[in-house]
């Protein structure tokens, strides 16, 4: 049987890359001057880590016979949404304060990493939902 990459692999790779970008941007954001007092949220870190692991497992062993692999394309976007919404919840007041009262170059720079993290994670979740509808590998018909 000749196996080729399916549409699910392409969208899963995009989801994976966006999830990594969001995770790195979040870690950078937690070390900025404005947001460092909030610390690192374990819910965000755990949910993003679970999503990334689920994506890697889905891309490597997807479409095989064990039935437990069917849940992997659902776990990833769900965890990405949990992480993204939790991150948005913890950053929304700071972003609003920066945009209204404390608008200076340093705070705008700190805010940009938060916005990049939130957008990357939410877009990754949307791509994850799309990739769940496609197979990672397609099998050629004989």
Foldseek 3Di string as FASTA:
>chain_A
DDKDFKPLQVLLVLLLVLLVLLVVLLVVLCPAPLNVVVPDDPLLVVLSVLLNVLSVCCLPPNPDPDPVNLCSLVSNLVSLVRNLVVLCVVCVVLVVCCVPPVPDDSSVVSVVSSVSNNVSSNVSSVSSVVSSVMGRMDDDDD
